[in-house]
Amino acid sequence: MSGTYGTQVIESVAVRRRRLREAWLFGAERAKNTLNEQTGRVLASVMIGALACAGCAGVAYFKSSQAKEKQPTPTSSTTGPVNPSPSK
């Protein structure tokens, strides 16, 4: 009997704390918005944005590395002086 009473007290305290927290955060419109729904939406939005940024950065890195590989390396072949001095 005491175990169920203790469980009821713990659950009622948890409900009271949740209601007080939601009243403090959302005011009179706490029935429309709950912390769990809003937090989930915000976290999902942040994760989608982070994935989009990471994808853009990855594509940019891949394209720049491919462009560097395709550029021909300049070879300098010196066979003689560029401006020969006049012969006497």
PDB file of N, CA and C in Angstrom:
ATOM      1  N   MET A   1       0.818  -1.184   0.000  1.00  0.00           N
ATOM      2  CA  MET A   1       0.000   0.000   0.000  1.00  0.00           C
ATOM      3  C   MET A   1       0.864   1.251   0.000  1.00  0.00           C
ATOM      4  N   SER A   2       1.937   1.233   0.800  1.00  0.00           N
ATOM      5  CA  SER A   2       2.775   2.427   0.884  1.00  0.00           C
ATOM      6  C   SER A   2       3.543   2.647  -0.413  1.00  0.00           C
ATOM      7  N   GLY A   3       3.839   1.591  -1.140  1.00  0.00           N
ATOM      8  CA  GLY A   3       4.557   1.723  -2.402  1.00  0.00           C
ATOM      9  C   GLY A   3       3.732   2.460  -3.441  1.00  0.00           C
ATOM     10  N   THR A   4       2.451   2.170  -3.500  1.00  0.00           N
ATOM     11  CA  THR A   4       1.603   2.858  -4.474  1.00  0.00           C
ATOM     12  C   THR A   4       1.387   4.308  -4.073  1.00  0.00           C
ATOM     13  N   TYR A   5       1.290   4.568  -2.769  1.00  0.00           N
ATOM     14  CA  TYR A   5       1.120   5.956  -2.321  1.00  0.00           C
ATOM     15  C   TYR A   5       2.367   6.776  -2.650  1.00  0.00           C
ATOM     16  N   GLY A   6       3.532   6.194  -2.435  1.00  0.00           N
ATOM     17  CA  GLY A   6       4.777   6.889  -2.757  1.00  0.00           C
ATOM     18  C   GLY A   6       4.886   7.173  -4.249  1.00  0.00           C
ATOM     19  N   THR A   7       4.481   6.216  -5.058  1.00  0.00           N
ATOM     20  CA  THR A   7       4.498   6.411  -6.503  1.00  0.00           C
ATOM     21  C   THR A   7       3.541   7.521  -6.910  1.00  0.00           C
ATOM     22  N   GLN A   8       2.368   7.555  -6.284  1.00  0.00           N
ATOM     23  CA  GLN A   8       1.394   8.607  -6.590  1.00  0.00           C
ATOM     24  C   GLN A   8       1.935   9.983  -6.220  1.00  0.00           C
ATOM     25  N   VAL A   9       2.610  10.069  -5.092  1.00  0.00           N
ATOM     26  CA  VAL A   9       3.175  11.350  -4.664  1.00  0.00           C
ATOM     27  C   VAL A   9       4.252  11.805  -5.647  1.00  0.00           C
ATOM     28  N   ILE A  10       5.114  10.901  -6.039  1.00  0.00           N
ATOM     29  CA  ILE A  10       6.184  11.244  -6.980  1.00  0.00           C
ATOM     30  C   ILE A  10       5.600  11.699  -8.316  1.00  0.00           C
ATOM     31  N   GLU A  11       4.588  10.986  -8.811  1.00  0.00           N
ATOM     32  CA  GLU A  11       3.964  11.365 -10.075  1.00  0.00           C
ATOM     33  C   GLU A  11       3.259  12.713  -9.972  1.00  0.00           C
ATOM     34  N   SER A  12       2.585  12.965  -8.844  1.00  0.00           N
ATOM     35  CA  SER A  12       1.885  14.246  -8.699  1.00  0.00           C
ATOM     36  C   SER A  12       2.879  15.404  -8.611  1.00  0.00           C
ATOM     37  N   VAL A  13       4.015  15.185  -7.969  1.00  0.00           N
ATOM     38  CA  VAL A  13       5.042  16.228  -7.901  1.00  0.00           C
ATOM     39  C   VAL A  13       5.611  16.489  -9.295  1.00  0.00           C
ATOM     40  N   ALA A  14       5.827  15.440 -10.067  1.00  0.00           N
ATOM     41  CA  ALA A  14       6.342  15.609 -11.426  1.00  0.00           C
ATOM     42  C   ALA A  14       5.350  16.377 -12.299  1.00  0.00           C
ATOM     43  N   VAL A  15       4.061  16.062 -12.154  1.00  0.00           N
ATOM     44  CA  VAL A  15       3.037  16.772 -12.926  1.00  0.00           C
ATOM     45  C   VAL A  15       2.983  18.229 -12.510  1.00  0.00           C
ATOM     46  N   ARG A  16       3.049  18.486 -11.215  1.00  0.00           N
ATOM     47  CA  ARG A  16       3.003  19.873 -10.728  1.00  0.00           C
ATOM     48  C   ARG A  16       4.204  20.664 -11.247  1.00  0.00           C
ATOM     49  N   ARG A  17       5.382  20.065 -11.210  1.00  0.00           N
ATOM     50  CA  ARG A  17       6.574  20.762 -11.703  1.00  0.00           C
ATOM     51  C   ARG A  17       6.477  21.051 -13.198  1.00  0.00           C
ATOM     52  N   ARG A  18       5.978  20.074 -13.955  1.00  0.00           N
ATOM     53  CA  ARG A  18       5.823  20.294 -15.397  1.00  0.00           C
ATOM     54  C   ARG A  18       4.831  21.417 -15.677  1.00  0.00           C
ATOM     55  N   ARG A  19       3.721  21.434 -14.955  1.00  0.00           N
ATOM     56  CA  ARG A  19       2.726  22.490 -15.157  1.00  0.00           C
ATOM     57  C   ARG A  19       3.273  23.857 -14.769  1.00  0.00           C
ATOM     58  N   LEU A  20       4.012  23.928 -13.679  1.00  0.00           N
ATOM     59  CA  LEU A  20       4.600  25.205 -13.277  1.00  0.00           C
ATOM     60  C   LEU A  20       5.633  25.683 -14.296  1.00  0.00           C
ATOM     61  N   ARG A  21       6.456  24.763 -14.771  1.00  0.00           N
ATOM     62  CA  ARG A  21       7.460  25.126 -15.770  1.00  0.00           C
ATOM     63  C   ARG A  21       6.807  25.622 -17.052  1.00  0.00           C
ATOM     64  N   GLU A  22       5.767  24.926 -17.520  1.00  0.00           N
ATOM     65  CA  GLU A  22       5.079  25.347 -18.735  1.00  0.00           C
ATOM     66  C   GLU A  22       4.340  26.660 -18.533  1.00  0.00           C
ATOM     67  N   ALA A  23       3.783  26.882 -17.347  1.00  0.00           N
ATOM     68  CA  ALA A  23       3.117  28.158 -17.074  1.00  0.00           C
ATOM     69  C   ALA A  23       4.128  29.290 -17.074  1.00  0.00           C
ATOM     70  N   TRP A  24       5.303  29.035 -16.544  1.00  0.00           N
ATOM     71  CA  TRP A  24       6.337  30.071 -16.519  1.00  0.00           C
ATOM     72  C   TRP A  24       6.868  30.355 -17.921  1.00  0.00           C
ATOM     73  N   LEU A  25       7.036  29.301 -18.736  1.00  0.00           N
ATOM     74  CA  LEU A  25       7.580  29.477 -20.080  1.00  0.00           C
ATOM     75  C   LEU A  25       6.568  30.037 -21.070  1.00  0.00           C
ATOM     76  N   PHE A  26       5.334  29.536 -21.034  1.00  0.00           N
ATOM     77  CA  PHE A  26       4.366  29.857 -22.070  1.00  0.00           C
ATOM     78  C   PHE A  26       3.233  30.761 -21.608  1.00  0.00           C
ATOM     79  N   GLY A  27       3.098  30.990 -20.335  1.00  0.00           N
ATOM     80  CA  GLY A  27       2.043  31.873 -19.846  1.00  0.00           C
ATOM     81  C   GLY A  27       0.667  31.239 -19.983  1.00  0.00           C
ATOM     82  N   ALA A  28      -0.307  32.052 -20.397  1.00  0.00           N
ATOM     83  CA  ALA A  28      -1.691  31.588 -20.460  1.00  0.00           C
ATOM     84  C   ALA A  28      -1.920  30.595 -21.597  1.00  0.00           C
ATOM     85  N   GLU A  29      -1.070  30.579 -22.596  1.00  0.00           N
ATOM     86  CA  GLU A  29      -1.263  29.697 -23.745  1.00  0.00           C
ATOM     87  C   GLU A  29      -0.475  28.397 -23.616  1.00  0.00           C
ATOM     88  N   ARG A  30      -0.297  27.929 -22.409  1.00  0.00           N
ATOM     89  CA  ARG A  30       0.496  26.716 -22.229  1.00  0.00           C
ATOM     90  C   ARG A  30      -0.210  25.481 -22.761  1.00  0.00           C
ATOM     91  N   ALA A  31      -1.539  25.548 -22.922  1.00  0.00           N
ATOM     92  CA  ALA A  31      -2.258  24.395 -23.465  1.00  0.00           C
ATOM     93  C   ALA A  31      -1.946  24.214 -24.948  1.00  0.00           C
ATOM     94  N   LYS A  32      -1.640  25.303 -25.652  1.00  0.00           N
ATOM     95  CA  LYS A  32      -1.354  25.214 -27.083  1.00  0.00           C
ATOM     96  C   LYS A  32       0.060  24.715 -27.339  1.00  0.00           C
ATOM     97  N   ASN A  33       0.992  25.149 -26.542  1.00  0.00           N
ATOM     98  CA  ASN A  33       2.397  24.791 -26.741  1.00  0.00           C
ATOM     99  C   ASN A  33       2.906  24.056 -25.515  1.00  0.00           C
ATOM    100  N   THR A  34       3.555  22.963 -25.763  1.00  0.00           N
ATOM    101  CA  THR A  34       4.229  22.287 -24.665  1.00  0.00           C
ATOM    102  C   THR A  34       5.716  22.312 -24.952  1.00  0.00           C
ATOM    103  N   LEU A  35       6.485  22.177 -23.923  1.00  0.00           N
ATOM    104  CA  LEU A  35       7.938  22.244 -24.059  1.00  0.00           C
ATOM    105  C   LEU A  35       8.460  21.131 -24.962  1.00  0.00           C
ATOM    106  N   ASN A  36       7.906  19.949 -24.836  1.00  0.00           N
ATOM    107  CA  ASN A  36       8.409  18.815 -25.609  1.00  0.00           C
ATOM    108  C   ASN A  36       8.189  19.001 -27.106  1.00  0.00           C
ATOM    109  N   GLU A  37       7.027  19.505 -27.502  1.00  0.00           N
ATOM    110  CA  GLU A  37       6.752  19.696 -28.924  1.00  0.00           C
ATOM    111  C   GLU A  37       7.676  20.749 -29.518  1.00  0.00           C
ATOM    112  N   GLN A  38       7.810  21.872 -28.844  1.00  0.00           N
ATOM    113  CA  GLN A  38       8.636  22.955 -29.363  1.00  0.00           C
ATOM    114  C   GLN A  38      10.109  22.567 -29.381  1.00  0.00           C
ATOM    115  N   THR A  39      10.560  21.901 -28.354  1.00  0.00           N
ATOM    116  CA  THR A  39      11.962  21.488 -28.296  1.00  0.00           C
ATOM    117  C   THR A  39      12.275  20.509 -29.423  1.00  0.00           C
ATOM    118  N   GLY A  40      11.382  19.588 -29.670  1.00  0.00           N
ATOM    119  CA  GLY A  40      11.586  18.630 -30.750  1.00  0.00           C
ATOM    120  C   GLY A  40      11.655  19.301 -32.107  1.00  0.00           C
ATOM    121  N   ARG A  41      10.787  20.272 -32.327  1.00  0.00           N
ATOM    122  CA  ARG A  41      10.789  20.981 -33.607  1.00  0.00           C
ATOM    123  C   ARG A  41      12.074  21.776 -33.787  1.00  0.00           C
ATOM    124  N   VAL A  42      12.512  22.432 -32.740  1.00  0.00           N
ATOM    125  CA  VAL A  42      13.740  23.232 -32.824  1.00  0.00           C
ATOM    126  C   VAL A  42      14.943  22.327 -33.088  1.00  0.00           C
ATOM    127  N   LEU A  43      15.035  21.240 -32.360  1.00  0.00           N
ATOM    128  CA  LEU A  43      16.164  20.328 -32.557  1.00  0.00           C
ATOM    129  C   LEU A  43      16.154  19.716 -33.957  1.00  0.00           C
ATOM    130  N   ALA A  44      14.979  19.358 -34.451  1.00  0.00           N
ATOM    131  CA  ALA A  44      14.898  18.804 -35.804  1.00  0.00           C
ATOM    132  C   ALA A  44      15.328  19.845 -36.835  1.00  0.00           C
ATOM    133  N   SER A  45      14.915  21.082 -36.648  1.00  0.00           N
ATOM    134  CA  SER A  45      15.304  22.148 -37.580  1.00  0.00           C
ATOM    135  C   SER A  45      16.807  22.379 -37.555  1.00  0.00           C
ATOM    136  N   VAL A  46      17.391  22.370 -36.370  1.00  0.00           N
ATOM    137  CA  VAL A  46      18.837  22.575 -36.247  1.00  0.00           C
ATOM    138  C   VAL A  46      19.595  21.428 -36.914  1.00  0.00           C
ATOM    139  N   MET A  47      19.125  20.213 -36.725  1.00  0.00           N
ATOM    140  CA  MET A  47      19.795  19.062 -37.328  1.00  0.00           C
ATOM    141  C   MET A  47      19.701  19.102 -38.851  1.00  0.00           C
ATOM    142  N   ILE A  48      18.551  19.475 -39.385  1.00  0.00           N
ATOM    143  CA  ILE A  48      18.399  19.566 -40.841  1.00  0.00           C
ATOM    144  C   ILE A  48      19.306  20.660 -41.392  1.00  0.00           C
ATOM    145  N   GLY A  49      19.368  21.788 -40.698  1.00  0.00           N
ATOM    146  CA  GLY A  49      20.254  22.871 -41.128  1.00  0.00           C
ATOM    147  C   GLY A  49      21.714  22.464 -41.086  1.00  0.00           C
ATOM    148  N   ALA A  50      22.107  21.741 -40.047  1.00  0.00           N
ATOM    149  CA  ALA A  50      23.499  21.291 -39.937  1.00  0.00           C
ATOM    150  C   ALA A  50      23.845  20.306 -41.052  1.00  0.00           C
ATOM    151  N   LEU A  51      22.922  19.417 -41.376  1.00  0.00           N
ATOM    152  CA  LEU A  51      23.171  18.476 -42.468  1.00  0.00           C
ATOM    153  C   LEU A  51      23.278  19.198 -43.806  1.00  0.00           C
ATOM    154  N   ALA A  52      22.446  20.207 -44.014  1.00  0.00           N
ATOM    155  CA  ALA A  52      22.515  20.974 -45.261  1.00  0.00           C
ATOM    156  C   ALA A  52      23.850  21.708 -45.365  1.00  0.00           C
ATOM    157  N   CYS A  53      24.298  22.318 -44.273  1.00  0.00           N
ATOM    158  CA  CYS A  53      25.593  23.017 -44.279  1.00  0.00           C
ATOM    159  C   CYS A  53      26.744  22.047 -44.524  1.00  0.00           C
ATOM    160  N   ALA A  54      26.702  20.904 -43.872  1.00  0.00           N
ATOM    161  CA  ALA A  54      27.762  19.916 -44.064  1.00  0.00           C
ATOM    162  C   ALA A  54      27.774  19.407 -45.506  1.00  0.00           C
ATOM    163  N   GLY A  55      26.610  19.218 -46.086  1.00  0.00           N
ATOM    164  CA  GLY A  55      26.541  18.786 -47.479  1.00  0.00           C
ATOM    165  C   GLY A  55      27.116  19.818 -48.424  1.00  0.00           C
ATOM    166  N   CYS A  56      26.772  21.079 -48.205  1.00  0.00           N
ATOM    167  CA  CYS A  56      27.309  22.156 -49.058  1.00  0.00           C
ATOM    168  C   CYS A  56      28.825  22.253 -48.918  1.00  0.00           C
ATOM    169  N   ALA A  57      29.327  22.152 -47.703  1.00  0.00           N
ATOM    170  CA  ALA A  57      30.773  22.226 -47.487  1.00  0.00           C
ATOM    171  C   ALA A  57      31.476  21.038 -48.141  1.00  0.00           C
ATOM    172  N   GLY A  58      30.892  19.860 -48.054  1.00  0.00           N
ATOM    173  CA  GLY A  58      31.483  18.685 -48.678  1.00  0.00           C
ATOM    174  C   GLY A  58      31.530  18.791 -50.188  1.00  0.00           C
ATOM    175  N   VAL A  59      30.451  19.283 -50.784  1.00  0.00           N
ATOM    176  CA  VAL A  59      30.417  19.447 -52.243  1.00  0.00           C
ATOM    177  C   VAL A  59      31.448  20.481 -52.677  1.00  0.00           C
ATOM    178  N   ALA A  60      31.553  21.587 -51.948  1.00  0.00           N
ATOM    179  CA  ALA A  60      32.526  22.626 -52.298  1.00  0.00           C
ATOM    180  C   ALA A  60      33.953  22.097 -52.193  1.00  0.00           C
ATOM    181  N   TYR A  61      34.246  21.335 -51.145  1.00  0.00           N
ATOM    182  CA  TYR A  61      35.584  20.766 -50.985  1.00  0.00           C
ATOM    183  C   TYR A  61      35.891  19.785 -52.115  1.00  0.00           C
ATOM    184  N   PHE A  62      34.928  18.952 -52.448  1.00  0.00           N
ATOM    185  CA  PHE A  62      35.135  17.969 -53.509  1.00  0.00           C
ATOM    186  C   PHE A  62      35.389  18.654 -54.842  1.00  0.00           C
ATOM    187  N   LYS A  63      34.606  19.681 -55.147  1.00  0.00           N
ATOM    188  CA  LYS A  63      34.789  20.389 -56.418  1.00  0.00           C
ATOM    189  C   LYS A  63      36.136  21.099 -56.478  1.00  0.00           C
ATOM    190  N   SER A  64      36.549  21.708 -55.376  1.00  0.00           N
ATOM    191  CA  SER A  64      37.837  22.409 -55.392  1.00  0.00           C
ATOM    192  C   SER A  64      38.998  21.429 -55.509  1.00  0.00           C
ATOM    193  N   SER A  65      38.897  20.281 -54.875  1.00  0.00           N
ATOM    194  CA  SER A  65      39.983  19.297 -54.990  1.00  0.00           C
ATOM    195  C   SER A  65      40.031  18.708 -56.395  1.00  0.00           C
ATOM    196  N   GLN A  66      38.874  18.521 -57.020  1.00  0.00           N
ATOM    197  CA  GLN A  66      38.855  18.025 -58.396  1.00  0.00           C
ATOM    198  C   GLN A  66      39.430  19.060 -59.356  1.00  0.00           C
ATOM    199  N   ALA A  67      39.138  20.329 -59.118  1.00  0.00           N
ATOM    200  CA  ALA A  67      39.665  21.388 -59.985  1.00  0.00           C
ATOM    201  C   ALA A  67      41.181  21.492 -59.849  1.00  0.00           C
ATOM    202  N   LYS A  68      41.709  21.297 -58.656  1.00  0.00           N
ATOM    203  CA  LYS A  68      43.162  21.348 -58.457  1.00  0.00           C
ATOM    204  C   LYS A  68      43.859  20.192 -59.156  1.00  0.00           C
ATOM    205  N   GLU A  69      43.224  19.032 -59.171  1.00  0.00           N
ATOM    206  CA  GLU A  69      43.831  17.872 -59.823  1.00  0.00           C
ATOM    207  C   GLU A  69      43.841  18.015 -61.340  1.00  0.00           C
ATOM    208  N   LYS A  70      42.847  18.692 -61.903  1.00  0.00           N
ATOM    209  CA  LYS A  70      42.752  18.821 -63.354  1.00  0.00           C
ATOM    210  C   LYS A  70      43.654  19.906 -63.917  1.00  0.00           C
ATOM    211  N   GLN A  71      44.141  20.817 -63.089  1.00  0.00           N
ATOM    212  CA  GLN A  71      45.011  21.883 -63.576  1.00  0.00           C
ATOM    213  C   GLN A  71      46.356  21.293 -63.967  1.00  0.00           C
ATOM    214  N   PRO A  72      46.843  21.648 -65.176  1.00  0.00           N
ATOM    215  CA  PRO A  72      48.165  21.133 -65.575  1.00  0.00           C
ATOM    216  C   PRO A  72      49.250  21.846 -64.778  1.00  0.00           C
ATOM    217  N   THR A  73      50.255  21.091 -64.435  1.00  0.00           N
ATOM    218  CA  THR A  73      51.367  21.684 -63.701  1.00  0.00           C
ATOM    219  C   THR A  73      52.292  22.360 -64.696  1.00  0.00           C
ATOM    220  N   PRO A  74      52.646  23.593 -64.457  1.00  0.00           N
ATOM    221  CA  PRO A  74      53.526  24.288 -65.405  1.00  0.00           C
ATOM    222  C   PRO A  74      54.929  23.693 -65.356  1.00  0.00           C
ATOM    223  N   THR A  75      55.449  23.400 -66.531  1.00  0.00           N
ATOM    224  CA  THR A  75      56.817  22.880 -66.625  1.00  0.00           C
ATOM    225  C   THR A  75      57.677  23.959 -67.256  1.00  0.00           C
ATOM    226  N   SER A  76      58.778  24.200 -66.659  1.00  0.00           N
ATOM    227  CA  SER A  76      59.690  25.216 -67.192  1.00  0.00           C
ATOM    228  C   SER A  76      60.880  24.508 -67.825  1.00  0.00           C
ATOM    229  N   SER A  77      61.017  24.705 -69.096  1.00  0.00           N
ATOM    230  CA  SER A  77      62.162  24.115 -69.795  1.00  0.00           C
ATOM    231  C   SER A  77      63.017  25.268 -70.311  1.00  0.00           C
ATOM    232  N   THR A  78      64.150  25.403 -69.731  1.00  0.00           N
ATOM    233  CA  THR A  78      65.067  26.468 -70.150  1.00  0.00           C
ATOM    234  C   THR A  78      66.138  25.863 -71.033  1.00  0.00           C
ATOM    235  N   THR A  79      66.125  26.247 -72.276  1.00  0.00           N
ATOM    236  CA  THR A  79      67.136  25.747 -73.210  1.00  0.00           C
ATOM    237  C   THR A  79      68.231  26.762 -73.437  1.00  0.00           C
ATOM    238  N   GLY A  80      67.963  27.959 -73.064  1.00  0.00           N
ATOM    239  CA  GLY A  80      68.968  28.992 -73.269  1.00  0.00           C
ATOM    240  C   GLY A  80      68.504  30.269 -72.609  1.00  0.00           C
ATOM    241  N   PRO A  81      69.309  31.298 -72.734  1.00  0.00           N
ATOM    242  CA  PRO A  81      68.897  32.551 -72.129  1.00  0.00           C
ATOM    243  C   PRO A  81      67.688  33.128 -72.852  1.00  0.00           C
ATOM    244  N   VAL A  82      66.878  33.823 -72.087  1.00  0.00           N
ATOM    245  CA  VAL A  82      65.672  34.402 -72.648  1.00  0.00           C
ATOM    246  C   VAL A  82      66.029  35.541 -73.585  1.00  0.00           C
ATOM    247  N   ASN A  83      66.908  36.427 -73.170  1.00  0.00           N
ATOM    248  CA  ASN A  83      67.373  37.538 -74.001  1.00  0.00           C
ATOM    249  C   ASN A  83      68.854  37.310 -74.302  1.00  0.00           C
ATOM    250  N   PRO A  84      69.141  36.746 -75.454  1.00  0.00           N
ATOM    251  CA  PRO A  84      70.566  36.496 -75.740  1.00  0.00           C
ATOM    252  C   PRO A  84      71.313  37.811 -75.958  1.00  0.00           C
ATOM    253  N   SER A  85      72.492  37.813 -75.481  1.00  0.00           N
ATOM    254  CA  SER A  85      73.315  39.012 -75.682  1.00  0.00           C
ATOM    255  C   SER A  85      73.824  39.028 -77.126  1.00  0.00           C
ATOM    256  N   PRO A  86      73.959  40.200 -77.708  1.00  0.00           N
ATOM    257  CA  PRO A  86      74.397  40.259 -79.113  1.00  0.00           C
ATOM    258  C   PRO A  86      75.829  39.727 -79.262  1.00  0.00           C
ATOM    259  N   SER A  87      76.045  39.015 -80.324  1.00  0.00           N
ATOM    260  CA  SER A  87      77.382  38.487 -80.575  1.00  0.00           C
ATOM    261  C   SER A  87      78.252  39.539 -81.255  1.00  0.00           C
ATOM    262  N   LYS A  88      79.490  39.502 -80.942  1.00  0.00           N
ATOM    263  CA  LYS A  88      80.437  40.473 -81.490  1.00  0.00           C
ATOM    264  C   LYS A  88      81.230  39.891 -82.586  1.00  0.00           C
TER     265      LYS A  88
END
